[in-house]
Amino acid sequence: MSKLTKDELNVIRKELNIKGISQLPKQQLIEELVRQAPDHFQTTIQLFDQPRYALLQRLAREGYTSDFDYEFEQIVYLRKFGLVFTGRYQGQNVFVMPNEIREAFNRIDEPPLQATVKKNTELTRLTHGLLFYYGILSMEELMNLAQQYVAEKIDIEHYIELLHDLSLFYEEYDIGNRFQVMHYRVMDPMWIQDELDLRETLDFYPFTKEQLLRAGELDYKDRTPQYRKFKDFLMKKCRLPVVEAEMLIDDLYDGIQNGDDWMNQVGYLQNELGLDRMEQIQEVGDLLVAYSNHTRQWVLKGYSPAELARKEQKSLRTTSRNSEGTVIDFTTKKKVGRNDPCACGSAEKFKRCCGK
């Protein structure tokens, strides 16, 4: 720690909430940080999940590692607690843990702390999964939903601290002014909340724990059969590289979740793909409506329009901010009747397919 400036040492002191030592000379400040830091950074580590904790364990064993994949903001987050530092070694960027911190960490790396980290990891992935599928939840809704999937009663204070910590490190969601927690892809929370208020009596879709844990993985994509068919079309017929095809569908996904008008999405595809023939536009439109009708939507509380149509025995799909939710066919721009061909492209009648 002697290589750090006094200002850098004081940043660590502030983050660890160690008081009464800011005026000490540098060497004495280091000695006090080494003495007091373990008691303080244990509180910080109690909010870590397994990936971050495993990094600390590796650094405590080896002193440094070049095997890491973190964004710049995440590196800044880890540095400010004085647990790890960055440097260069043998021509590589490395994470380094000072010897004083290695010794202190090894003293607290015991089963009770490891058990807390394990619980945090499960809650982290459940939280990410719930917000992936539901988009916006009040703090109370989020905690009550998460509680359904864990056996032990969730400590409210710890969970709120965990949420704030996760939002700073992973940036997968934001915490709003009205104690709302929202997925980072939410663009217009007021509109989404208004749509949810219209469906106050609709229960949240009952996901399994396995579904939520899977959706809680970073950069998760819900690759439905319709998603795969759309992606295959973009790669084979439009000759897009796989990354570009996925990015294009990601843009459409954001539009679906945030209430973008379907005509805007068709126009976007027409422009991006350079479509100039009506049959091309119709084929893309059919794929888009099938993908949209089978995408789980925030304003439908985790249901896809096709699922909700089956559940309620009627058509339900949100097509724009000003229209009622219906399952529609892009080629006709009309609501799909029960005896019409299903808009999902299955060639079955709607009443025997998504309208069941």
Protein backbone atom coordinates (compact mmCIF):
# COMPACT_ATOMS: atom_id res chain seq x y z
CA MET A 1 0.00 0.00 0.00
CA SER A 2 3.04 2.26 0.29
CA LYS A 3 2.87 2.91 -3.48
CA LEU A 4 -0.49 4.65 -3.10
CA THR A 5 -0.74 8.39 -2.64
CA LYS A 6 -2.21 9.75 0.57
CA ASP A 7 -5.28 10.92 -1.39
CA GLU A 8 -5.83 7.37 -2.66
CA LEU A 9 -5.46 6.02 0.86
CA ASN A 10 -8.07 8.50 2.07
CA VAL A 11 -10.51 7.34 -0.61
CA ILE A 12 -10.20 3.83 0.83
CA ARG A 13 -10.63 5.20 4.35
CA LYS A 14 -13.86 6.98 3.36
CA GLU A 15 -15.34 3.97 1.56
CA LEU A 16 -14.62 1.74 4.54
CA ASN A 17 -16.00 4.41 6.87
CA ILE A 18 -12.89 4.50 9.05
CA LYS A 19 -12.93 7.73 11.05
CA GLY A 20 -10.41 9.79 12.98
CA ILE A 21 -7.25 8.97 11.01
CA SER A 22 -7.37 11.30 7.99
CA GLN A 23 -4.80 13.72 9.43
CA LEU A 24 -2.18 11.07 10.16
CA PRO A 25 1.12 11.03 8.23
CA LYS A 26 1.07 8.62 5.30
CA GLN A 27 2.93 5.74 6.96
CA GLN A 28 0.79 5.90 10.08
CA LEU A 29 -2.33 6.09 7.90
CA ILE A 30 -1.24 2.86 6.16
CA GLU A 31 -0.65 1.17 9.50
CA GLU A 32 -4.10 2.18 10.77
CA LEU A 33 -5.77 1.06 7.54
CA VAL A 34 -4.07 -2.32 7.78
CA ARG A 35 -5.14 -2.63 11.41
CA GLN A 36 -8.74 -1.46 11.03
CA ALA A 37 -9.62 -2.38 7.43
CA PRO A 38 -10.41 -6.08 8.08
CA ASP A 39 -13.23 -5.21 10.49
CA HIS A 40 -14.65 -2.73 7.98
CA PHE A 41 -14.23 -4.50 4.66
CA GLN A 42 -15.85 -7.63 6.06
CA THR A 43 -19.06 -5.58 6.03
CA THR A 44 -18.42 -4.76 2.36
CA ILE A 45 -17.63 -8.36 1.40
CA GLN A 46 -20.85 -9.56 3.03
CA LEU A 47 -22.63 -8.00 0.04
CA PHE A 48 -20.48 -9.81 -2.56
CA ASP A 49 -21.66 -12.63 -4.78
CA GLN A 50 -19.59 -15.66 -5.77
CA PRO A 51 -17.75 -14.25 -8.85
CA ARG A 52 -16.35 -11.31 -6.88
CA TYR A 53 -15.63 -13.41 -3.81
CA ALA A 54 -13.82 -16.02 -5.92
CA LEU A 55 -11.61 -13.24 -7.29
CA LEU A 56 -10.65 -12.22 -3.76
CA GLN A 57 -9.90 -15.83 -2.82
CA ARG A 58 -7.66 -16.26 -5.86
CA LEU A 59 -5.82 -13.02 -5.13
CA ALA A 60 -5.39 -13.98 -1.48
CA ARG A 61 -3.74 -17.24 -2.59
CA GLU A 62 -1.63 -15.97 -5.47
CA GLY A 63 -1.19 -12.25 -4.84
CA TYR A 64 -2.11 -11.24 -8.41
CA THR A 65 -4.00 -12.45 -11.48
CA SER A 66 -4.26 -11.45 -15.13
CA ASP A 67 -7.31 -13.66 -15.61
CA PHE A 68 -10.23 -11.27 -15.22
CA ASP A 69 -12.93 -9.74 -17.39
CA TYR A 70 -14.34 -6.62 -15.79
CA GLU A 71 -15.53 -3.29 -17.16
CA PHE A 72 -13.63 -0.14 -16.21
CA GLU A 73 -16.39 0.96 -13.81
CA GLN A 74 -16.27 -2.42 -12.05
CA ILE A 75 -12.51 -2.13 -11.62
CA VAL A 76 -12.96 1.32 -10.09
CA TYR A 77 -15.60 -0.13 -7.76
CA LEU A 78 -13.24 -2.88 -6.52
CA ARG A 79 -10.30 -0.50 -6.11
CA LYS A 80 -12.13 2.02 -3.96
CA PHE A 81 -12.43 -0.46 -1.07
CA GLY A 82 -8.70 -1.10 -1.00
CA LEU A 83 -9.20 -4.81 -1.63
CA VAL A 84 -7.55 -4.99 -5.05
CA PHE A 85 -5.41 -2.74 -7.20
CA THR A 86 -4.44 -2.70 -10.84
CA GLY A 87 -0.96 -2.80 -12.31
CA ARG A 88 1.31 -4.25 -14.99
CA TYR A 89 3.32 -7.44 -14.60
CA GLN A 90 5.30 -9.18 -17.34
CA GLY A 91 3.56 -7.05 -19.96
CA GLN A 92 0.03 -7.87 -18.78
CA ASN A 93 -2.65 -5.95 -16.94
CA VAL A 94 -3.10 -7.53 -13.53
CA PHE A 95 -5.19 -7.33 -10.38
CA VAL A 96 -3.02 -7.20 -7.27
CA MET A 97 -3.92 -7.69 -3.61
CA PRO A 98 -1.49 -6.10 -1.13
CA ASN A 99 0.14 -8.55 1.30
CA GLU A 100 -1.44 -6.83 4.30
CA ILE A 101 -4.92 -7.29 2.78
CA ARG A 102 -4.17 -10.91 1.78
CA GLU A 103 -3.40 -11.77 5.39
CA ALA A 104 -6.47 -9.95 6.66
CA PHE A 105 -8.77 -11.58 4.09
CA ASN A 106 -7.49 -15.06 4.90
CA ARG A 107 -8.45 -14.48 8.54
CA ILE A 108 -12.11 -13.85 7.66
CA ASP A 109 -12.44 -16.32 4.77
CA GLU A 110 -14.40 -18.78 6.89
CA PRO A 111 -17.62 -20.83 6.44
CA PRO A 112 -20.00 -18.17 7.89
CA LEU A 113 -18.86 -15.55 5.38
CA GLN A 114 -18.82 -18.11 2.56
CA ALA A 115 -22.41 -19.09 3.41
CA THR A 116 -23.51 -15.44 3.20
CA VAL A 117 -21.83 -15.10 -0.19
CA LYS A 118 -23.65 -18.21 -1.41
CA LYS A 119 -27.02 -16.75 -0.38
CA ASN A 120 -26.11 -13.44 -2.01
CA THR A 121 -25.29 -15.23 -5.25
CA GLU A 122 -28.68 -16.93 -5.41
CA LEU A 123 -30.51 -13.69 -4.53
CA THR A 124 -28.47 -11.81 -7.13
CA ARG A 125 -29.45 -14.15 -9.95
CA LEU A 126 -33.08 -14.34 -8.82
CA THR A 127 -33.24 -10.53 -8.73
CA HIS A 128 -31.72 -10.20 -12.19
CA GLY A 129 -34.10 -12.87 -13.50
CA LEU A 130 -37.19 -11.25 -12.00
CA LEU A 131 -36.30 -7.87 -13.49
CA PHE A 132 -35.44 -9.42 -16.86
CA TYR A 133 -38.98 -10.78 -17.14
CA TYR A 134 -41.00 -8.14 -15.25
CA GLY A 135 -39.06 -4.96 -16.11
CA ILE A 136 -40.29 -2.77 -13.23
CA LEU A 137 -41.13 -3.80 -9.68
CA SER A 138 -41.60 -1.93 -6.46
CA MET A 139 -39.08 -2.79 -3.77
CA GLU A 140 -41.85 -4.60 -1.89
CA GLU A 141 -42.96 -6.58 -4.95
CA LEU A 142 -39.39 -7.56 -5.74
CA MET A 143 -38.68 -8.79 -2.23
CA ASN A 144 -42.00 -10.67 -1.97
CA LEU A 145 -41.41 -12.37 -5.32
CA ALA A 146 -37.82 -13.28 -4.44
CA GLN A 147 -39.00 -14.68 -1.09
CA GLN A 148 -41.14 -17.25 -2.94
CA TYR A 149 -38.00 -18.90 -4.30
CA VAL A 150 -35.80 -19.09 -1.19
CA ALA A 151 -36.39 -21.12 1.94
CA GLU A 152 -34.85 -18.75 4.48
CA LYS A 153 -36.62 -15.49 5.33
CA ILE A 154 -34.99 -12.57 3.54
CA ASP A 155 -33.54 -9.90 5.81
CA ILE A 156 -35.06 -6.65 4.51
CA GLU A 157 -32.15 -4.39 5.47
CA HIS A 158 -29.56 -6.76 4.00
CA TYR A 159 -31.56 -7.18 0.77
CA ILE A 160 -31.90 -3.41 0.25
CA GLU A 161 -28.15 -2.97 0.81
CA LEU A 162 -27.52 -5.87 -1.58
CA LEU A 163 -29.72 -4.25 -4.25
CA HIS A 164 -27.82 -0.97 -4.02
CA ASP A 165 -24.48 -2.78 -4.19
CA LEU A 166 -25.54 -4.87 -7.19
CA SER A 167 -26.88 -1.85 -9.05
CA LEU A 168 -23.51 -0.11 -8.63
CA PHE A 169 -21.40 -3.09 -9.69
CA TYR A 170 -23.42 -4.84 -12.41
CA GLU A 171 -25.51 -1.88 -13.62
CA GLU A 172 -28.23 -4.35 -14.66
CA TYR A 173 -30.95 -2.24 -13.08
CA ASP A 174 -31.66 1.15 -11.54
CA ILE A 175 -33.42 2.08 -8.32
CA GLY A 176 -35.89 4.92 -8.92
CA ASN A 177 -37.23 7.69 -6.74
CA ARG A 178 -40.47 5.86 -5.91
CA PHE A 179 -38.68 2.81 -4.52
CA GLN A 180 -39.03 1.18 -7.92
CA VAL A 181 -36.40 -1.17 -9.23
CA MET A 182 -36.21 -1.30 -13.02
CA HIS A 183 -34.23 -3.21 -15.62
CA TYR A 184 -31.56 -1.16 -17.36
CA ARG A 185 -33.36 -1.56 -20.71
CA VAL A 186 -36.47 0.23 -19.45
CA MET A 187 -36.71 3.49 -21.43
CA ASP A 188 -40.05 4.94 -20.31
CA PRO A 189 -40.88 3.71 -16.80
CA MET A 190 -43.95 5.95 -16.50
CA TRP A 191 -45.58 4.44 -19.59
CA ILE A 192 -44.78 0.90 -18.49
CA GLN A 193 -46.16 1.58 -15.01
CA ASP A 194 -49.35 3.01 -16.54
CA GLU A 195 -49.77 -0.15 -18.62
CA LEU A 196 -49.19 -2.31 -15.54
CA ASP A 197 -51.79 -0.33 -13.61
CA LEU A 198 -54.33 -1.22 -16.32
CA ARG A 199 -53.64 -4.90 -15.59
CA GLU A 200 -53.77 -4.64 -11.82
CA THR A 201 -55.81 -7.86 -11.52
CA LEU A 202 -53.42 -9.88 -13.70
CA ASP A 203 -51.10 -12.08 -11.65
CA PHE A 204 -47.40 -12.21 -12.40
CA TYR A 205 -46.44 -15.09 -14.66
CA PRO A 206 -45.40 -18.01 -12.39
CA PHE A 207 -41.82 -18.67 -13.42
CA THR A 208 -39.93 -21.60 -12.01
CA LYS A 209 -36.83 -20.96 -9.96
CA GLU A 210 -34.73 -22.56 -12.70
CA GLN A 211 -36.14 -20.15 -15.28
CA LEU A 212 -35.29 -17.14 -13.13
CA LEU A 213 -31.80 -18.34 -12.29
CA ARG A 214 -31.15 -18.91 -15.99
CA ALA A 215 -32.50 -15.46 -16.90
CA GLY A 216 -30.36 -14.01 -14.10
CA GLU A 217 -27.16 -14.78 -15.99
CA LEU A 218 -25.48 -11.69 -17.44
CA ASP A 219 -26.32 -10.99 -21.10
CA TYR A 220 -29.05 -13.65 -21.09
CA LYS A 221 -31.29 -13.84 -24.17
CA ASP A 222 -34.64 -15.63 -24.22
CA ARG A 223 -34.03 -17.62 -27.41
CA THR A 224 -37.52 -18.80 -28.25
CA PRO A 225 -38.12 -20.87 -31.41
CA GLN A 226 -39.38 -17.66 -33.03
CA TYR A 227 -36.17 -15.86 -32.01
CA ARG A 228 -34.06 -18.63 -33.58
CA LYS A 229 -36.14 -18.65 -36.76
CA PHE A 230 -35.82 -14.86 -37.08
CA LYS A 231 -32.08 -15.00 -36.47
CA ASP A 232 -31.68 -17.81 -39.00
CA PHE A 233 -33.53 -15.74 -41.60
CA LEU A 234 -31.34 -12.68 -40.97
CA MET A 235 -28.16 -14.73 -41.27
CA LYS A 236 -29.09 -16.86 -44.30
CA LYS A 237 -31.34 -14.63 -46.40
CA CYS A 238 -30.04 -11.23 -45.37
CA ARG A 239 -26.47 -12.49 -44.93
CA LEU A 240 -25.91 -10.75 -41.62
CA PRO A 241 -23.06 -11.97 -39.38
CA VAL A 242 -24.31 -13.65 -36.22
CA VAL A 243 -23.38 -10.71 -34.00
CA GLU A 244 -25.21 -8.21 -36.22
CA ALA A 245 -28.27 -10.46 -36.44
CA GLU A 246 -28.46 -10.72 -32.65
CA MET A 247 -27.94 -6.98 -32.21
CA LEU A 248 -30.78 -6.26 -34.64
CA ILE A 249 -33.14 -8.57 -32.75
CA ASP A 250 -31.99 -6.98 -29.48
CA ASP A 251 -33.09 -3.59 -30.86
CA LEU A 252 -36.48 -5.06 -31.77
CA TYR A 253 -36.75 -6.61 -28.30
CA ASP A 254 -36.16 -3.20 -26.70
CA GLY A 255 -38.85 -1.74 -28.93
CA ILE A 256 -41.36 -4.45 -28.05
CA GLN A 257 -40.74 -4.04 -24.32
CA ASN A 258 -40.97 -0.26 -24.46
CA GLY A 259 -44.14 0.01 -26.55
CA ASP A 260 -42.65 0.94 -29.92
CA ASP A 261 -45.28 0.98 -32.67
CA TRP A 262 -45.04 -2.11 -34.87
CA MET A 263 -45.04 -0.01 -38.04
CA ASN A 264 -41.94 1.78 -36.75
CA GLN A 265 -40.27 -1.58 -36.24
CA VAL A 266 -41.13 -2.74 -39.76
CA GLY A 267 -39.77 0.54 -41.11
CA TYR A 268 -36.63 0.09 -39.03
CA LEU A 269 -36.10 -3.40 -40.48
CA GLN A 270 -36.79 -2.18 -44.00
CA ASN A 271 -34.16 0.51 -43.60
CA GLU A 272 -31.54 -1.66 -41.86
CA LEU A 273 -31.90 -4.58 -44.28
CA GLY A 274 -32.38 -2.52 -47.44
CA LEU A 275 -35.67 -4.20 -48.31
CA ASP A 276 -37.34 -2.84 -51.45
CA ARG A 277 -39.73 -5.61 -52.54
CA MET A 278 -43.14 -6.11 -50.96
CA GLU A 279 -42.69 -9.87 -50.57
CA GLN A 280 -39.48 -9.25 -48.62
CA ILE A 281 -41.21 -6.77 -46.33
CA GLN A 282 -44.12 -9.19 -45.84
CA GLU A 283 -41.78 -12.07 -44.95
CA VAL A 284 -39.90 -9.95 -42.43
CA GLY A 285 -43.18 -8.66 -41.03
CA ASP A 286 -44.47 -12.21 -40.50
CA LEU A 287 -41.28 -13.18 -38.67
CA LEU A 288 -41.48 -10.04 -36.54
CA VAL A 289 -45.07 -10.60 -35.49
CA ALA A 290 -44.33 -14.23 -34.61
CA TYR A 291 -41.33 -13.15 -32.54
CA SER A 292 -43.30 -10.38 -30.85
CA ASN A 293 -46.31 -12.56 -30.07
CA HIS A 294 -44.04 -15.08 -28.31
CA THR A 295 -41.88 -12.59 -26.42
CA ARG A 296 -42.54 -12.30 -22.69
CA GLN A 297 -43.42 -8.68 -22.08
CA TRP A 298 -43.04 -6.39 -19.09
CA VAL A 299 -46.46 -4.78 -19.58
CA LEU A 300 -48.03 -8.26 -19.55
CA LYS A 301 -46.31 -9.18 -16.26
CA GLY A 302 -44.07 -11.77 -17.84
CA TYR A 303 -46.61 -13.35 -20.18
CA SER A 304 -46.19 -13.38 -23.93
CA PRO A 305 -49.21 -12.17 -25.93
CA ALA A 306 -49.74 -15.71 -27.21
CA GLU A 307 -49.73 -17.12 -23.67
CA LEU A 308 -52.12 -14.48 -22.43
CA ALA A 309 -54.41 -15.10 -25.38
CA ARG A 310 -54.54 -18.77 -24.43
CA LYS A 311 -54.98 -17.90 -20.76
CA GLU A 312 -57.87 -15.51 -21.24
CA GLN A 313 -59.42 -17.08 -24.35
CA LYS A 314 -59.13 -13.84 -26.26
CA SER A 315 -56.58 -11.87 -28.24
CA LEU A 316 -54.29 -9.67 -26.20
CA ARG A 317 -51.22 -7.86 -27.46
CA THR A 318 -49.87 -4.36 -26.89
CA THR A 319 -49.03 -2.91 -30.30
CA SER A 320 -48.50 0.73 -29.40
CA ARG A 321 -48.98 3.24 -26.62
CA ASN A 322 -52.42 4.17 -27.89
CA SER A 323 -53.97 0.82 -28.85
CA GLU A 324 -55.47 -2.07 -26.94
CA GLY A 325 -53.52 -5.28 -26.56
CA THR A 326 -54.35 -7.76 -29.35
CA VAL A 327 -52.64 -10.47 -31.32
CA ILE A 328 -52.27 -8.94 -34.77
CA ASP A 329 -51.02 -9.98 -38.19
CA PHE A 330 -48.54 -7.50 -39.66
CA THR A 331 -49.49 -8.34 -43.23
CA THR A 332 -53.17 -7.44 -42.76
CA LYS A 333 -52.74 -5.00 -39.84
CA LYS A 334 -55.90 -6.54 -38.35
CA LYS A 335 -56.82 -8.41 -35.20
CA VAL A 336 -56.54 -12.16 -35.70
CA GLY A 337 -59.94 -13.88 -35.59
CA ARG A 338 -60.37 -17.34 -34.07
CA ASN A 339 -60.77 -18.99 -37.47
CA ASP A 340 -57.97 -17.01 -39.13
CA PRO A 341 -54.50 -18.50 -39.71
CA CYS A 342 -52.46 -17.99 -36.56
CA ALA A 343 -50.13 -14.96 -36.71
CA CYS A 344 -47.28 -17.02 -35.26
CA GLY A 345 -46.79 -18.70 -38.65
CA SER A 346 -47.73 -22.24 -37.62
CA ALA A 347 -50.28 -22.61 -40.50
CA GLU A 348 -52.90 -23.68 -37.91
CA LYS A 349 -56.08 -21.76 -37.21
CA PHE A 350 -55.68 -19.25 -34.39
CA LYS A 351 -58.22 -21.06 -32.20
CA ARG A 352 -56.21 -24.30 -32.48
CA CYS A 353 -52.85 -22.67 -31.89
CA CYS A 354 -52.18 -19.50 -29.84
CA GLY A 355 -55.88 -18.95 -29.26
CA LYS A 356 -56.35 -22.15 -27.29
